[in-house]
N, C-alpha and C. Protein backbone atom coordinates (compact mmCIF):
# COMPACT_ATOMS: atom_id res chain seq x y z
N MET A 1 16.90 -14.94 13.97
CA MET A 1 16.13 -15.86 13.15
C MET A 1 15.78 -15.18 11.84
N THR A 2 16.00 -15.87 10.74
CA THR A 2 15.68 -15.30 9.43
C THR A 2 14.24 -15.62 9.07
N THR A 3 13.64 -14.74 8.31
CA THR A 3 12.27 -14.94 7.85
C THR A 3 12.27 -15.80 6.61
N SER A 4 11.44 -16.84 6.61
CA SER A 4 11.33 -17.68 5.43
C SER A 4 10.60 -16.92 4.33
N ILE A 5 11.00 -17.17 3.10
CA ILE A 5 10.36 -16.55 1.94
C ILE A 5 9.98 -17.63 0.94
N THR A 6 9.02 -17.30 0.11
CA THR A 6 8.57 -18.25 -0.90
C THR A 6 9.68 -18.47 -1.94
N PRO A 7 9.88 -19.73 -2.35
CA PRO A 7 10.91 -20.00 -3.36
C PRO A 7 10.44 -19.74 -4.79
N GLY A 8 9.12 -19.63 -4.98
CA GLY A 8 8.61 -19.40 -6.33
C GLY A 8 8.58 -20.64 -7.19
N ASN A 9 8.42 -21.80 -6.57
CA ASN A 9 8.40 -23.07 -7.30
C ASN A 9 7.03 -23.43 -7.87
N THR A 10 5.97 -22.86 -7.32
CA THR A 10 4.63 -23.34 -7.61
C THR A 10 3.97 -22.55 -8.72
N SER A 11 3.50 -23.29 -9.73
CA SER A 11 2.75 -22.67 -10.82
C SER A 11 1.30 -23.15 -10.72
N PHE A 12 0.41 -22.42 -11.38
CA PHE A 12 -1.01 -22.76 -11.30
C PHE A 12 -1.76 -22.23 -12.51
N SER A 13 -3.01 -22.63 -12.64
CA SER A 13 -3.93 -22.25 -13.70
C SER A 13 -3.56 -22.90 -15.03
N ARG A 14 -3.93 -24.16 -15.12
CA ARG A 14 -3.66 -24.95 -16.33
C ARG A 14 -4.39 -24.36 -17.53
N VAL A 15 -3.70 -24.27 -18.65
CA VAL A 15 -4.31 -23.66 -19.84
C VAL A 15 -4.59 -24.63 -20.98
N ASN A 16 -4.06 -25.83 -20.91
CA ASN A 16 -4.37 -26.79 -21.97
C ASN A 16 -4.16 -28.22 -21.48
N ALA A 17 -4.36 -29.15 -22.37
CA ALA A 17 -4.29 -30.57 -21.99
C ALA A 17 -2.87 -31.03 -21.69
N THR A 18 -1.85 -30.24 -22.03
CA THR A 18 -0.47 -30.65 -21.76
C THR A 18 -0.02 -30.24 -20.36
N ASP A 19 -0.92 -29.72 -19.56
CA ASP A 19 -0.64 -29.31 -18.19
C ASP A 19 0.26 -28.07 -18.11
N LEU A 20 0.28 -27.28 -19.19
CA LEU A 20 1.01 -26.01 -19.18
C LEU A 20 0.33 -25.05 -18.22
N LYS A 21 1.11 -24.41 -17.33
CA LYS A 21 0.56 -23.49 -16.34
C LYS A 21 0.78 -22.05 -16.79
N LEU A 22 -0.18 -21.20 -16.48
CA LEU A 22 -0.13 -19.81 -16.92
C LEU A 22 0.54 -18.89 -15.91
N PHE A 23 0.41 -19.17 -14.62
CA PHE A 23 0.91 -18.29 -13.56
C PHE A 23 1.85 -19.04 -12.62
N ARG A 24 2.66 -18.25 -11.86
CA ARG A 24 3.58 -18.81 -10.87
C ARG A 24 3.64 -17.87 -9.67
N VAL A 25 3.78 -18.44 -8.48
CA VAL A 25 3.98 -17.65 -7.27
C VAL A 25 5.36 -17.00 -7.37
N ASN A 26 5.45 -15.73 -7.05
CA ASN A 26 6.73 -15.04 -7.08
C ASN A 26 7.63 -15.48 -5.93
N ALA A 27 8.90 -15.58 -6.21
CA ALA A 27 9.89 -15.88 -5.18
C ALA A 27 10.13 -14.63 -4.34
N GLY A 28 10.46 -14.83 -3.08
CA GLY A 28 10.86 -13.72 -2.22
C GLY A 28 9.77 -13.11 -1.37
N VAL A 29 8.57 -13.66 -1.41
CA VAL A 29 7.48 -13.14 -0.58
C VAL A 29 7.61 -13.73 0.82
N PRO A 30 7.61 -12.91 1.87
CA PRO A 30 7.67 -13.46 3.22
C PRO A 30 6.51 -14.44 3.48
N VAL A 31 6.83 -15.55 4.12
CA VAL A 31 5.85 -16.61 4.35
C VAL A 31 4.61 -16.11 5.09
N ASP A 32 4.78 -15.26 6.10
CA ASP A 32 3.61 -14.79 6.85
C ASP A 32 2.68 -13.97 5.95
N GLU A 33 3.23 -13.18 5.05
CA GLU A 33 2.40 -12.40 4.14
C GLU A 33 1.73 -13.29 3.10
N ALA A 34 2.44 -14.31 2.64
CA ALA A 34 1.86 -15.25 1.68
C ALA A 34 0.69 -16.01 2.32
N LEU A 35 0.84 -16.42 3.57
CA LEU A 35 -0.25 -17.12 4.26
C LEU A 35 -1.45 -16.22 4.50
N GLU A 36 -1.20 -14.96 4.83
CA GLU A 36 -2.30 -14.02 5.00
C GLU A 36 -3.07 -13.85 3.70
N MET A 37 -2.35 -13.73 2.59
CA MET A 37 -3.01 -13.59 1.29
C MET A 37 -3.76 -14.86 0.92
N ALA A 38 -3.18 -16.02 1.21
CA ALA A 38 -3.86 -17.29 0.93
C ALA A 38 -5.17 -17.37 1.71
N SER A 39 -5.16 -16.91 2.95
CA SER A 39 -6.37 -16.92 3.76
C SER A 39 -7.44 -16.01 3.16
N LEU A 40 -7.04 -14.83 2.72
CA LEU A 40 -8.00 -13.92 2.10
C LEU A 40 -8.56 -14.49 0.80
N LEU A 41 -7.69 -15.03 -0.04
CA LEU A 41 -8.15 -15.63 -1.29
C LEU A 41 -9.13 -16.76 -1.03
N GLN A 42 -8.81 -17.60 -0.05
CA GLN A 42 -9.71 -18.73 0.25
C GLN A 42 -11.03 -18.24 0.82
N HIS A 43 -10.99 -17.19 1.63
CA HIS A 43 -12.24 -16.62 2.16
C HIS A 43 -13.16 -16.19 1.03
N TYR A 44 -12.61 -15.45 0.06
CA TYR A 44 -13.45 -14.98 -1.04
C TYR A 44 -13.87 -16.11 -1.97
N ALA A 45 -13.04 -17.12 -2.13
CA ALA A 45 -13.45 -18.29 -2.89
C ALA A 45 -14.64 -18.97 -2.21
N ASN A 46 -14.59 -19.06 -0.88
CA ASN A 46 -15.70 -19.66 -0.13
C ASN A 46 -16.97 -18.82 -0.26
N GLU A 47 -16.82 -17.49 -0.19
CA GLU A 47 -17.98 -16.60 -0.34
C GLU A 47 -18.62 -16.78 -1.72
N LEU A 48 -17.80 -16.82 -2.75
CA LEU A 48 -18.34 -17.00 -4.11
C LEU A 48 -18.97 -18.37 -4.29
N THR A 49 -18.41 -19.38 -3.67
CA THR A 49 -18.98 -20.72 -3.75
C THR A 49 -20.35 -20.75 -3.08
N LEU A 50 -20.49 -20.11 -1.94
CA LEU A 50 -21.78 -20.02 -1.28
C LEU A 50 -22.77 -19.26 -2.15
N ASP A 51 -22.34 -18.14 -2.72
CA ASP A 51 -23.22 -17.39 -3.62
C ASP A 51 -23.66 -18.25 -4.80
N ALA A 52 -22.74 -19.04 -5.34
CA ALA A 52 -23.07 -19.92 -6.47
C ALA A 52 -24.11 -20.96 -6.06
N ALA A 53 -23.98 -21.49 -4.86
CA ALA A 53 -24.92 -22.51 -4.39
C ALA A 53 -26.31 -21.94 -4.13
N MET A 54 -26.36 -20.68 -3.73
CA MET A 54 -27.64 -20.07 -3.32
C MET A 54 -28.33 -19.29 -4.44
N SER A 55 -27.66 -19.09 -5.56
CA SER A 55 -28.18 -18.24 -6.62
C SER A 55 -28.74 -19.08 -7.77
N ASP A 56 -29.76 -18.53 -8.43
CA ASP A 56 -30.29 -19.18 -9.63
C ASP A 56 -29.30 -19.09 -10.79
N LYS A 57 -28.42 -18.11 -10.74
CA LYS A 57 -27.41 -17.93 -11.79
C LYS A 57 -26.02 -18.16 -11.21
N GLY A 58 -25.87 -19.21 -10.44
CA GLY A 58 -24.64 -19.47 -9.71
C GLY A 58 -23.44 -19.79 -10.56
N GLU A 59 -23.66 -20.20 -11.81
CA GLU A 59 -22.51 -20.56 -12.64
C GLU A 59 -21.55 -19.39 -12.87
N ARG A 60 -22.05 -18.18 -12.80
CA ARG A 60 -21.16 -17.03 -13.00
C ARG A 60 -20.19 -16.82 -11.83
N PHE A 61 -20.48 -17.43 -10.69
CA PHE A 61 -19.59 -17.34 -9.53
C PHE A 61 -18.58 -18.49 -9.48
N SER A 62 -18.84 -19.53 -10.24
CA SER A 62 -18.02 -20.75 -10.15
C SER A 62 -16.60 -20.54 -10.64
N TRP A 63 -16.40 -19.91 -11.79
CA TRP A 63 -15.05 -19.73 -12.32
C TRP A 63 -14.21 -18.82 -11.45
N PRO A 64 -14.72 -17.67 -11.01
CA PRO A 64 -13.88 -16.85 -10.11
C PRO A 64 -13.51 -17.60 -8.83
N ALA A 65 -14.44 -18.38 -8.29
CA ALA A 65 -14.15 -19.15 -7.08
C ALA A 65 -13.05 -20.17 -7.35
N LEU A 66 -13.11 -20.82 -8.50
CA LEU A 66 -12.08 -21.79 -8.87
C LEU A 66 -10.71 -21.12 -8.96
N TYR A 67 -10.63 -19.98 -9.63
CA TYR A 67 -9.35 -19.29 -9.79
C TYR A 67 -8.80 -18.81 -8.45
N LEU A 68 -9.65 -18.27 -7.59
CA LEU A 68 -9.19 -17.84 -6.26
C LEU A 68 -8.69 -19.03 -5.45
N GLY A 69 -9.40 -20.15 -5.53
CA GLY A 69 -8.97 -21.36 -4.84
C GLY A 69 -7.64 -21.87 -5.34
N GLU A 70 -7.43 -21.80 -6.67
CA GLU A 70 -6.14 -22.21 -7.24
C GLU A 70 -5.01 -21.31 -6.73
N MET A 71 -5.28 -20.01 -6.65
CA MET A 71 -4.26 -19.08 -6.16
C MET A 71 -3.92 -19.37 -4.71
N ALA A 72 -4.95 -19.59 -3.88
CA ALA A 72 -4.72 -19.87 -2.46
C ALA A 72 -3.91 -21.16 -2.30
N LYS A 73 -4.27 -22.20 -3.04
CA LYS A 73 -3.54 -23.47 -2.95
C LYS A 73 -2.09 -23.30 -3.38
N ALA A 74 -1.85 -22.56 -4.46
CA ALA A 74 -0.48 -22.35 -4.93
C ALA A 74 0.36 -21.65 -3.87
N LEU A 75 -0.22 -20.64 -3.22
CA LEU A 75 0.51 -19.95 -2.15
C LEU A 75 0.85 -20.89 -1.01
N ILE A 76 -0.12 -21.69 -0.60
CA ILE A 76 0.11 -22.63 0.50
C ILE A 76 1.16 -23.67 0.12
N ASP A 77 1.10 -24.16 -1.11
CA ASP A 77 2.09 -25.14 -1.57
C ASP A 77 3.49 -24.52 -1.59
N ASP A 78 3.59 -23.27 -2.05
CA ASP A 78 4.90 -22.63 -2.10
C ASP A 78 5.43 -22.34 -0.69
N VAL A 79 4.55 -21.97 0.23
CA VAL A 79 4.96 -21.78 1.63
C VAL A 79 5.46 -23.11 2.19
N GLY A 80 4.76 -24.19 1.88
CA GLY A 80 5.22 -25.51 2.32
C GLY A 80 6.61 -25.82 1.81
N ASP A 81 6.84 -25.51 0.53
CA ASP A 81 8.20 -25.69 -0.02
C ASP A 81 9.22 -24.87 0.75
N ALA A 82 8.87 -23.63 1.05
CA ALA A 82 9.80 -22.75 1.77
C ALA A 82 10.14 -23.34 3.14
N LEU A 83 9.14 -23.82 3.84
CA LEU A 83 9.38 -24.34 5.18
C LEU A 83 10.18 -25.63 5.15
N PHE A 84 9.89 -26.51 4.20
CA PHE A 84 10.64 -27.76 4.12
C PHE A 84 12.05 -27.55 3.61
N LEU A 85 12.24 -26.60 2.69
CA LEU A 85 13.59 -26.28 2.21
C LEU A 85 14.46 -25.73 3.33
N SER A 86 13.85 -24.88 4.17
CA SER A 86 14.63 -24.29 5.27
C SER A 86 15.00 -25.37 6.30
N ARG A 87 14.18 -26.38 6.48
CA ARG A 87 14.51 -27.47 7.40
C ARG A 87 15.63 -28.33 6.84
N ALA A 88 15.64 -28.50 5.53
CA ALA A 88 16.68 -29.32 4.91
C ALA A 88 18.06 -28.68 5.02
N ASP A 89 18.07 -27.33 5.12
CA ASP A 89 19.33 -26.62 5.22
C ASP A 89 19.98 -26.72 6.60
N THR A 90 19.20 -27.10 7.61
CA THR A 90 19.74 -27.13 8.97
C THR A 90 20.26 -28.50 9.33
């Protein structure tokens, strides 16, 4: 059985009104490692969101949480592409 890898299709972090993206998931990352990283990114996004909700100065936690959440979503979306592409090949 071959290990699925990310195709590198997913970009994230919009930089202007034209929907131009600044970053992209790299192709060739093993799916299990990409999912582990997505889980870690989402964990820290959740921690920062909780800190933002509980702090008087929570706005400073909001942007990092947003960026971590975008990264986690991009990884999950790219893993989804990898899994569906591999099914289409069979």
